Structure formats: structure tokens, C-alpha cells
Amino acid sequence: MSSSPHHHFVLCLFLVSFLCVNSQLPHDVFTVIIKNETPSVVTRYCTVHGEYLNEDQGIELKPGEVNNITGSIVPGRNTFVCLLELEEKRKILNLFDSDDTSICHVPNKVCVWKIQEDGLCMLSEGKCVMFGWDYNSLSNRHTASEPTKYIASDELKSENIIWRRTP
């Protein structure tokens, strides 16, 4: 039983159109993981694209707790900013900004931040880039363009970081 060339052509068109529709990539997202590595509760107040998450109250992270935040990339408004509080210490920091290559900025790539007694550690290329706490009341927001205070080698599979001061 043979098919006509017309049927093959129609079948090929159907398959090509089906593959085109189903092979479209999903929209770009950012994923930020925040892990509390301190023995105390940390409170976070965050905005995504300028809009508050849980506007009425902060979100508490118990010791060892991990938050996973995923958001859509919106052209021109690609920021995830948090105020983090650990006892009397505070820090306002861009945790993701697609327009700032000095911090987490790559869509569809997981960005890991660890909250530690000394500050916030951004894992980048196997290293921990540390941003120290502010000890005064709510100070101005800091971005990752500030000088790095500490750098430590950190195999991504390892949970232990050995600190050494940079000159």
C-alpha cells in the first residue's frame, strides 16, 4: 500500500509545525537560594522587580533553613533586593540583577547566598564573595560593587568554608 507524495508533504508539514510549537523554550527566570548558616533567626524583607513579597511582615529563616525564590525575568526590571536582619546587624543588598555583572545576573542559573555571622556570602565561580553586615540602623542599599571583605575557597559541593582575610 503506497501513499501519495501529497500525504507525505502534509504529514511533514504537520510534524514541522508540531516541533516548532513544542520546542519553544520557557521564559527566562532567576533562581536565588538563601541559606541561613547562623545559629540565630534571620528576617528578610524582599522585593522582586520593585514589588514587596509579604509586604506586611518579614519572612523568618531559622538556623539551617533554606529559601528558594524563583521569578520571571521582566525586561528592564530584573532585580531581587532584600533587607536582611540578624540580631542588630542589617544589610540591604541586590541578590540578583540581570543588568549588574558584578553579582548574580545570569537568567536560568541558580544563585546561592549564604547568611553567616560575618555577612552574606555569594558563591561565585567556586569562591565565597563576602558582603559584611551594617551595624547602624537602616543604612543605604549596597550593591556588589563594594570591595570584597573576605574571599574563601569553596568547592560548591562542600558546606564548610575556611576563611582567610584578603590583603
Protein backbone atom coordinates (compact mmCIF):
# COMPACT_ATOMS: atom_id res chain seq x y z
CA MET A 1 0.00 0.00 0.00
CA SER A 2 1.62 3.22 -1.09
CA SER A 3 0.89 6.76 -0.03
CA SER A 4 0.78 9.67 -2.36
CA PRO A 5 3.51 12.32 -2.21
CA HIS A 6 0.81 14.78 -1.17
CA HIS A 7 0.14 12.82 2.04
CA HIS A 8 3.87 12.77 2.86
CA PHE A 9 4.06 16.51 2.33
CA VAL A 10 1.08 17.17 4.62
CA LEU A 11 2.49 14.82 7.26
CA CYS A 12 5.89 16.58 7.10
CA LEU A 13 4.23 20.00 7.47
CA PHE A 14 2.28 18.75 10.48
CA LEU A 15 5.40 17.35 12.15
CA VAL A 16 7.43 20.51 11.50
CA SER A 17 4.70 22.75 12.90
CA PHE A 18 4.27 20.45 15.93
CA LEU A 19 8.00 20.51 16.64
CA CYS A 20 8.18 24.30 16.27
CA VAL A 21 5.35 24.86 18.75
CA ASN A 22 6.59 22.33 21.29
CA SER A 23 10.28 23.22 21.10
CA GLN A 24 9.90 26.82 22.25
CA LEU A 25 11.95 27.47 25.34
CA PRO A 26 10.12 28.51 28.50
CA HIS A 27 10.54 32.12 29.59
CA ASP A 28 13.73 33.12 31.37
CA VAL A 29 13.72 33.01 35.17
CA PHE A 30 16.08 33.78 38.02
CA THR A 31 16.52 31.46 40.97
CA VAL A 32 18.05 32.65 44.23
CA ILE A 33 18.74 30.30 47.13
CA ILE A 34 19.25 31.88 50.55
CA LYS A 35 20.61 29.66 53.34
CA ASN A 36 20.80 30.71 56.98
CA GLU A 37 24.09 29.30 58.33
CA THR A 38 23.92 31.22 61.61
CA PRO A 39 22.71 29.89 64.98
CA SER A 40 20.07 32.67 65.09
CA VAL A 41 16.86 33.53 63.25
CA VAL A 42 17.31 35.86 60.25
CA THR A 43 14.46 38.03 58.98
CA ARG A 44 14.28 39.01 55.32
CA TYR A 45 12.18 41.66 53.57
CA CYS A 46 12.49 41.37 49.80
CA THR A 47 11.27 42.98 46.60
CA VAL A 48 11.08 41.38 43.17
CA HIS A 49 11.03 43.88 40.32
CA GLY A 50 10.27 46.62 42.89
CA GLU A 51 7.27 44.88 44.47
CA TYR A 52 7.35 43.52 48.02
CA LEU A 53 6.99 39.86 48.85
CA ASN A 54 4.95 39.52 52.08
CA GLU A 55 4.63 43.29 52.37
CA ASP A 56 3.07 43.20 55.84
CA GLN A 57 5.80 41.18 57.53
CA GLY A 58 9.27 39.80 57.08
CA ILE A 59 9.99 36.16 56.44
CA GLU A 60 11.96 34.40 59.16
CA LEU A 61 14.68 31.91 58.35
CA LYS A 62 15.51 29.60 61.22
CA PRO A 63 19.08 28.31 61.64
CA GLY A 64 19.87 25.94 58.77
CA GLU A 65 16.71 26.88 56.85
CA VAL A 66 16.88 27.45 53.09
CA ASN A 67 14.65 29.68 50.94
CA ASN A 68 14.35 29.12 47.21
CA ILE A 69 12.99 32.12 45.28
CA THR A 70 12.24 31.92 41.55
CA GLY A 71 10.91 34.80 39.48
CA SER A 72 10.35 35.65 35.84
CA ILE A 73 12.79 37.87 34.02
CA VAL A 74 10.99 41.10 33.10
CA PRO A 75 12.82 43.33 30.59
CA GLY A 76 14.07 46.46 32.35
CA ARG A 77 13.02 45.31 35.85
CA ASN A 78 15.18 42.35 36.75
CA THR A 79 16.05 42.81 40.39
CA PHE A 80 15.67 40.82 43.58
CA VAL A 81 16.62 43.01 46.55
CA CYS A 82 16.49 42.07 50.23
CA LEU A 83 16.89 43.70 53.60
CA LEU A 84 18.31 41.00 55.88
CA GLU A 85 18.41 41.33 59.66
CA LEU A 86 20.43 39.19 62.06
CA GLU A 87 20.01 40.49 65.61
CA GLU A 88 21.36 44.10 65.48
CA LYS A 89 23.06 43.56 62.09
CA ARG A 90 21.42 44.59 58.81
CA LYS A 91 22.20 44.57 55.11
CA ILE A 92 20.25 45.75 52.07
CA LEU A 93 21.65 44.02 49.03
CA ASN A 94 20.83 43.23 45.42
CA LEU A 95 20.81 39.42 45.39
CA PHE A 96 20.02 39.27 41.65
CA ASP A 97 20.19 41.96 38.96
CA SER A 98 20.38 40.97 35.31
CA ASP A 99 21.95 44.35 34.49
CA ASP A 100 24.80 44.09 37.05
CA THR A 101 27.55 41.64 36.11
CA SER A 102 29.29 42.00 39.50
CA ILE A 103 26.56 39.95 41.23
CA CYS A 104 24.19 37.15 40.26
CA HIS A 105 22.84 38.20 36.87
CA VAL A 106 22.55 35.18 34.56
CA PRO A 107 18.99 34.03 33.76
CA ASN A 108 18.18 30.34 34.28
CA LYS A 109 21.22 29.85 36.54
CA VAL A 110 20.89 29.19 40.27
CA CYS A 111 22.41 31.86 42.52
CA VAL A 112 23.38 30.83 46.07
CA TRP A 113 23.70 33.23 49.02
CA LYS A 114 24.71 32.04 52.49
CA ILE A 115 23.89 34.13 55.56
CA GLN A 116 26.76 33.92 58.03
CA GLU A 117 27.83 35.67 61.22
CA ASP A 118 30.29 37.86 59.25
CA GLY A 119 27.82 38.81 56.49
CA LEU A 120 26.35 37.46 53.28
CA CYS A 121 28.38 35.08 51.14
CA MET A 122 27.66 34.98 47.39
CA LEU A 123 29.02 31.81 45.78
CA SER A 124 30.71 32.73 42.53
CA GLU A 125 32.98 30.52 40.45
CA GLY A 126 33.86 28.30 43.38
CA LYS A 127 34.59 31.22 45.71
CA CYS A 128 32.68 32.89 48.50
CA VAL A 129 32.42 36.65 48.00
CA MET A 130 31.56 38.18 51.39
CA PHE A 131 29.50 41.32 51.98
CA GLY A 132 29.75 42.42 55.61
CA TRP A 133 26.84 43.49 57.81
CA ASP A 134 25.91 47.08 58.56
CA TYR A 135 25.75 47.71 62.30
CA ASN A 136 23.98 51.07 62.26
CA SER A 137 20.27 51.50 61.66
CA LEU A 138 18.94 51.10 58.15
CA SER A 139 21.79 52.34 56.03
CA ASN A 140 21.76 52.85 52.30
CA ARG A 141 21.48 49.88 49.99
CA HIS A 142 24.74 48.27 48.99
CA THR A 143 25.48 46.57 45.74
CA ALA A 144 28.13 44.03 44.99
CA SER A 145 30.41 46.69 43.53
CA GLU A 146 31.67 47.29 47.08
CA PRO A 147 35.12 45.93 47.88
CA THR A 148 35.14 42.30 48.86
CA LYS A 149 35.99 41.93 52.54
CA TYR A 150 36.70 38.20 52.56
CA ILE A 151 37.27 35.56 49.95
CA ALA A 152 37.41 31.87 50.66
CA SER A 153 37.89 28.84 48.51
CA ASP A 154 34.70 26.87 48.40
CA GLU A 155 34.07 23.72 46.44
CA LEU A 156 30.39 24.00 45.56
CA LYS A 157 29.78 20.53 46.92
CA SER A 158 31.29 21.49 50.28
CA GLU A 159 29.30 23.15 53.05
CA ASN A 160 32.39 24.20 55.03
CA ILE A 161 34.16 27.43 54.20
CA ILE A 162 37.57 28.23 55.63
CA TRP A 163 38.02 31.99 55.86
CA ARG A 164 41.15 33.92 55.16
CA ARG A 165 41.46 37.68 55.08
CA THR A 166 42.46 39.28 51.83
CA PRO A 167 45.13 41.98 51.98
